[in-house]
Structures are given as structure tokens and as C-alpha cells.
Amino acid sequence: MSFGDEEVQRVWEKGRTVSPNDPNMWRKDECGAWIRRSEYGNRNSEFGWEIDHISPEGGGNLSNLRPLQWNNNVTKREGRLKCPVIARGTANVER
């Protein structure tokens, strides 16, 4: 599914802010992994992220979308997060 810039920004804003980091650049996903706004769609970056459908049946409504670090998104199975990537300090690491 393709998302427009406005939709991507709205989903980005659902990420968790962490002071003193600039929330326009850095947030954390539901697993606690760092994501960087400019790395949307970049699977070559440890801070790359994608838009996840929380429930496959929930459609593309904003309430059903969340930002996830890309590896946390691709390892999701049957609607459940596995969270193989988490933050440790300023880096993301595999569990």
C-alpha cells in the first residue's frame, strides 16, 4: 500500500517522543526501537521504518496504522509483534 506525504507524517507523529531528541527527527516505535523520520521506507538503515497495519482487517485508517522499525515490521506474524530490534542507548540492536 502506498501512502502520501501527509499520511506518512500523521503515522510518524504516533511514534513515541524521547526527550531531549528532536521529535521531528527521532522517535521510537512500539518495540522501543529508534526510527528516524528521513529513513521512511529505507531497509538499508538501522533507523529505517515502515507503516504497519496493526490489524490486517482494520484497513488503512489512521487508528489502525503505526510506525515500526522495518525489521520489527517484517518479522510480525499473525498480527503479533516479535520485536527483534530494540534500542540500546543511541543505537538499535537485535535482541
N, C-alpha and C. Protein backbone atom coordinates (compact mmCIF):
# COMPACT_ATOMS: atom_id res chain seq x y z
N MET A 1 0.85 -1.18 0.00
CA MET A 1 0.00 0.00 0.00
C MET A 1 0.89 1.24 0.00
N SER A 2 0.55 2.19 -0.81
CA SER A 2 1.31 3.42 -0.93
C SER A 2 0.64 4.51 -0.11
N PHE A 3 1.46 5.29 0.59
CA PHE A 3 0.96 6.36 1.43
C PHE A 3 1.50 7.70 0.95
N GLY A 4 0.68 8.72 1.02
CA GLY A 4 1.09 10.07 0.67
C GLY A 4 1.89 10.70 1.80
N ASP A 5 2.52 11.82 1.50
CA ASP A 5 3.35 12.52 2.49
C ASP A 5 2.58 12.88 3.75
N GLU A 6 1.35 13.32 3.60
CA GLU A 6 0.54 13.71 4.75
C GLU A 6 0.24 12.51 5.64
N GLU A 7 -0.10 11.38 5.03
CA GLU A 7 -0.37 10.16 5.81
C GLU A 7 0.89 9.69 6.52
N VAL A 8 2.02 9.72 5.83
CA VAL A 8 3.28 9.30 6.45
C VAL A 8 3.57 10.18 7.67
N GLN A 9 3.36 11.47 7.54
CA GLN A 9 3.61 12.38 8.67
C GLN A 9 2.68 12.08 9.84
N ARG A 10 1.43 11.82 9.56
CA ARG A 10 0.47 11.52 10.64
C ARG A 10 0.85 10.24 11.38
N VAL A 11 1.29 9.24 10.64
CA VAL A 11 1.72 7.99 11.29
C VAL A 11 3.01 8.24 12.08
N TRP A 12 3.94 9.00 11.51
CA TRP A 12 5.18 9.35 12.21
C TRP A 12 4.86 9.95 13.58
N GLU A 13 3.89 10.83 13.62
CA GLU A 13 3.53 11.52 14.85
C GLU A 13 2.98 10.58 15.92
N LYS A 14 2.63 9.37 15.55
CA LYS A 14 2.17 8.38 16.53
C LYS A 14 3.33 7.68 17.23
N GLY A 15 4.55 7.87 16.73
CA GLY A 15 5.73 7.31 17.38
C GLY A 15 5.97 8.00 18.72
N ARG A 16 6.68 7.31 19.61
CA ARG A 16 6.93 7.83 20.95
C ARG A 16 8.09 8.82 20.92
N THR A 17 7.86 10.01 21.46
CA THR A 17 8.92 11.01 21.54
C THR A 17 9.78 10.72 22.77
N VAL A 18 11.06 11.05 22.65
CA VAL A 18 12.01 10.81 23.74
C VAL A 18 12.85 12.09 23.89
N SER A 19 12.67 12.78 25.01
CA SER A 19 13.46 13.99 25.28
C SER A 19 14.89 13.60 25.57
N PRO A 20 15.84 14.39 25.21
CA PRO A 20 15.78 15.70 24.56
C PRO A 20 15.87 15.62 23.04
N ASN A 21 15.62 14.46 22.45
CA ASN A 21 15.73 14.30 20.99
C ASN A 21 14.66 15.11 20.26
N ASP A 22 15.05 15.65 19.11
CA ASP A 22 14.13 16.41 18.28
C ASP A 22 13.04 15.47 17.76
N PRO A 23 11.77 15.68 18.15
CA PRO A 23 10.69 14.79 17.71
C PRO A 23 10.40 14.87 16.21
N ASN A 24 10.94 15.87 15.55
CA ASN A 24 10.79 15.95 14.10
C ASN A 24 11.77 15.04 13.39
N MET A 25 12.81 14.60 14.10
CA MET A 25 13.84 13.73 13.52
C MET A 25 13.81 12.31 14.10
N TRP A 26 13.59 12.19 15.41
CA TRP A 26 13.74 10.91 16.11
C TRP A 26 12.51 10.57 16.93
N ARG A 27 12.14 9.31 16.87
CA ARG A 27 11.07 8.76 17.71
C ARG A 27 11.40 7.29 17.95
N LYS A 28 10.59 6.66 18.78
CA LYS A 28 10.72 5.22 18.99
C LYS A 28 9.42 4.55 18.57
N ASP A 29 9.57 3.32 18.08
CA ASP A 29 8.39 2.55 17.69
C ASP A 29 7.82 1.83 18.90
N GLU A 30 6.81 1.04 18.70
CA GLU A 30 6.15 0.34 19.80
C GLU A 30 7.06 -0.67 20.49
N CYS A 31 8.07 -1.15 19.80
CA CYS A 31 9.03 -2.08 20.39
C CYS A 31 10.14 -1.36 21.16
N GLY A 32 10.20 -0.04 21.02
CA GLY A 32 11.25 0.73 21.66
C GLY A 32 12.47 0.94 20.80
N ALA A 33 12.38 0.61 19.51
CA ALA A 33 13.50 0.81 18.58
C ALA A 33 13.46 2.24 18.05
N TRP A 34 14.66 2.80 17.84
CA TRP A 34 14.76 4.14 17.25
C TRP A 34 14.34 4.12 15.79
N ILE A 35 13.61 5.16 15.40
CA ILE A 35 13.29 5.39 13.99
C ILE A 35 13.61 6.85 13.68
N ARG A 36 14.08 7.08 12.47
CA ARG A 36 14.45 8.43 12.04
C ARG A 36 13.51 8.85 10.91
N ARG A 37 12.93 10.01 11.04
CA ARG A 37 11.90 10.46 10.09
C ARG A 37 12.37 10.35 8.64
N SER A 38 13.59 10.77 8.36
CA SER A 38 14.09 10.78 6.99
C SER A 38 14.36 9.39 6.43
N GLU A 39 14.29 8.36 7.27
CA GLU A 39 14.59 6.99 6.84
C GLU A 39 13.33 6.17 6.54
N TYR A 40 12.21 6.84 6.32
CA TYR A 40 10.98 6.13 5.98
C TYR A 40 11.21 5.28 4.73
N GLY A 41 10.88 4.00 4.83
CA GLY A 41 10.99 3.08 3.70
C GLY A 41 12.38 2.57 3.41
N ASN A 42 13.37 2.92 4.22
CA ASN A 42 14.76 2.53 3.97
C ASN A 42 15.13 1.29 4.78
N ARG A 43 15.16 0.15 4.13
CA ARG A 43 15.53 -1.10 4.81
C ARG A 43 17.05 -1.28 4.90
N ASN A 44 17.81 -0.35 4.38
CA ASN A 44 19.27 -0.40 4.50
C ASN A 44 19.76 0.39 5.69
N SER A 45 18.86 0.94 6.48
CA SER A 45 19.22 1.75 7.63
C SER A 45 18.70 1.09 8.91
N GLU A 46 19.51 1.10 9.96
CA GLU A 46 19.03 0.56 11.23
C GLU A 46 17.89 1.40 11.80
N PHE A 47 17.75 2.64 11.31
CA PHE A 47 16.70 3.54 11.79
C PHE A 47 15.56 3.66 10.79
N GLY A 48 15.59 2.83 9.73
CA GLY A 48 14.53 2.83 8.73
C GLY A 48 13.23 2.34 9.35
N TRP A 49 12.13 2.81 8.81
CA TRP A 49 10.83 2.44 9.37
C TRP A 49 9.79 2.34 8.27
N GLU A 50 8.71 1.67 8.62
CA GLU A 50 7.60 1.46 7.69
C GLU A 50 6.30 1.68 8.43
N ILE A 51 5.25 1.79 7.66
CA ILE A 51 3.92 1.92 8.24
C ILE A 51 3.32 0.53 8.37
N ASP A 52 2.95 0.19 9.58
CA ASP A 52 2.38 -1.12 9.88
C ASP A 52 0.88 -1.01 10.08
N HIS A 53 0.16 -2.00 9.56
CA HIS A 53 -1.26 -2.14 9.86
C HIS A 53 -1.36 -2.97 11.15
N ILE A 54 -1.87 -2.38 12.20
CA ILE A 54 -1.97 -3.06 13.49
C ILE A 54 -2.79 -4.33 13.35
N SER A 55 -3.94 -4.21 12.70
CA SER A 55 -4.80 -5.36 12.42
C SER A 55 -4.96 -5.47 10.92
N PRO A 56 -4.72 -6.65 10.34
CA PRO A 56 -4.87 -6.79 8.89
C PRO A 56 -6.28 -6.45 8.41
N GLU A 57 -7.27 -6.65 9.26
CA GLU A 57 -8.66 -6.40 8.90
C GLU A 57 -9.06 -4.94 9.10
N GLY A 58 -8.19 -4.14 9.73
CA GLY A 58 -8.54 -2.78 10.11
C GLY A 58 -8.42 -1.74 9.03
N GLY A 59 -7.86 -2.11 7.89
CA GLY A 59 -7.74 -1.17 6.78
C GLY A 59 -6.69 -0.10 7.01
N GLY A 60 -6.76 0.93 6.18
CA GLY A 60 -5.77 1.99 6.21
C GLY A 60 -6.15 3.19 7.04
N ASN A 61 -7.11 3.03 7.96
CA ASN A 61 -7.48 4.14 8.85
C ASN A 61 -6.32 4.47 9.77
N LEU A 62 -6.13 5.74 10.07
CA LEU A 62 -5.02 6.17 10.92
C LEU A 62 -5.00 5.42 12.25
N SER A 63 -6.15 5.12 12.80
CA SER A 63 -6.20 4.41 14.09
C SER A 63 -5.63 3.00 13.99
N ASN A 64 -5.53 2.47 12.78
CA ASN A 64 -5.00 1.12 12.57
C ASN A 64 -3.56 1.13 12.06
N LEU A 65 -2.94 2.28 12.02
CA LEU A 65 -1.58 2.39 11.50
C LEU A 65 -0.62 2.84 12.58
N ARG A 66 0.63 2.37 12.47
CA ARG A 66 1.67 2.79 13.41
C ARG A 66 3.02 2.73 12.72
N PRO A 67 3.99 3.53 13.22
CA PRO A 67 5.33 3.44 12.67
C PRO A 67 6.09 2.31 13.35
N LEU A 68 6.78 1.49 12.55
CA LEU A 68 7.61 0.41 13.10
C LEU A 68 8.95 0.40 12.40
N GLN A 69 10.00 0.18 13.17
CA GLN A 69 11.32 -0.04 12.60
C GLN A 69 11.13 -1.19 11.60
N TRP A 70 11.76 -1.10 10.45
CA TRP A 70 11.45 -2.02 9.35
C TRP A 70 11.59 -3.50 9.71
N ASN A 71 12.61 -3.86 10.48
CA ASN A 71 12.79 -5.27 10.82
C ASN A 71 11.71 -5.73 11.80
N ASN A 72 11.28 -4.85 12.67
CA ASN A 72 10.17 -5.20 13.57
C ASN A 72 8.89 -5.40 12.77
N ASN A 73 8.75 -4.68 11.67
CA ASN A 73 7.57 -4.83 10.84
C ASN A 73 7.59 -6.14 10.06
N VAL A 74 8.72 -6.47 9.43
CA VAL A 74 8.74 -7.66 8.58
C VAL A 74 8.72 -8.96 9.37
N THR A 75 9.07 -8.93 10.64
CA THR A 75 9.06 -10.16 11.44
C THR A 75 7.73 -10.37 12.18
N LYS A 76 6.81 -9.44 12.03
CA LYS A 76 5.50 -9.56 12.65
C LYS A 76 4.78 -10.77 12.04
N ARG A 77 4.20 -11.60 12.87
CA ARG A 77 3.49 -12.80 12.39
C ARG A 77 2.12 -12.88 13.03
N GLU A 78 1.12 -13.16 12.20
CA GLU A 78 -0.25 -13.33 12.66
C GLU A 78 -0.70 -12.16 13.53
N GLY A 79 -0.30 -10.95 13.14
CA GLY A 79 -0.69 -9.76 13.86
C GLY A 79 0.06 -9.50 15.15
N ARG A 80 1.07 -10.32 15.45
CA ARG A 80 1.80 -10.17 16.71
C ARG A 80 3.21 -9.66 16.46
N LEU A 81 3.60 -8.69 17.28
CA LEU A 81 4.96 -8.16 17.21
C LEU A 81 5.93 -9.12 17.87
N LYS A 82 7.06 -9.33 17.24
CA LYS A 82 8.14 -10.14 17.82
C LYS A 82 9.21 -9.24 18.45
N CYS A 83 9.32 -8.01 17.96
CA CYS A 83 10.28 -7.02 18.45
C CYS A 83 11.73 -7.53 18.49
N PRO A 84 12.26 -7.97 17.34
CA PRO A 84 13.66 -8.41 17.34
C PRO A 84 14.65 -7.26 17.46
N VAL A 85 14.21 -6.03 17.21
CA VAL A 85 15.09 -4.87 17.29
C VAL A 85 14.58 -3.92 18.37
N ILE A 86 15.49 -3.56 19.27
CA ILE A 86 15.19 -2.61 20.34
C ILE A 86 16.33 -1.60 20.41
N ALA A 87 16.12 -0.53 21.13
CA ALA A 87 17.17 0.47 21.29
C ALA A 87 18.03 0.12 22.49
N ARG A 88 19.31 0.38 22.33
CA ARG A 88 20.25 0.33 23.44
C ARG A 88 21.08 1.59 23.32
N GLY A 89 20.82 2.55 24.21
CA GLY A 89 21.46 3.84 24.09
C GLY A 89 20.98 4.54 22.83
N THR A 90 21.92 4.96 22.00
CA THR A 90 21.56 5.68 20.77
C THR A 90 21.56 4.77 19.54
N ALA A 91 21.70 3.47 19.74
CA ALA A 91 21.73 2.53 18.62
C ALA A 91 20.57 1.55 18.73
N ASN A 92 20.26 0.90 17.64
CA ASN A 92 19.33 -0.22 17.64
C ASN A 92 20.14 -1.51 17.64
N VAL A 93 19.68 -2.48 18.40
CA VAL A 93 20.38 -3.77 18.49
C VAL A 93 19.37 -4.89 18.36
N GLU A 94 19.86 -6.04 17.94
CA GLU A 94 18.99 -7.22 17.91
C GLU A 94 18.94 -7.83 19.30
N ARG A 95 17.79 -8.31 19.66
CA ARG A 95 17.62 -8.95 20.98
C ARG A 95 18.42 -10.20 21.06
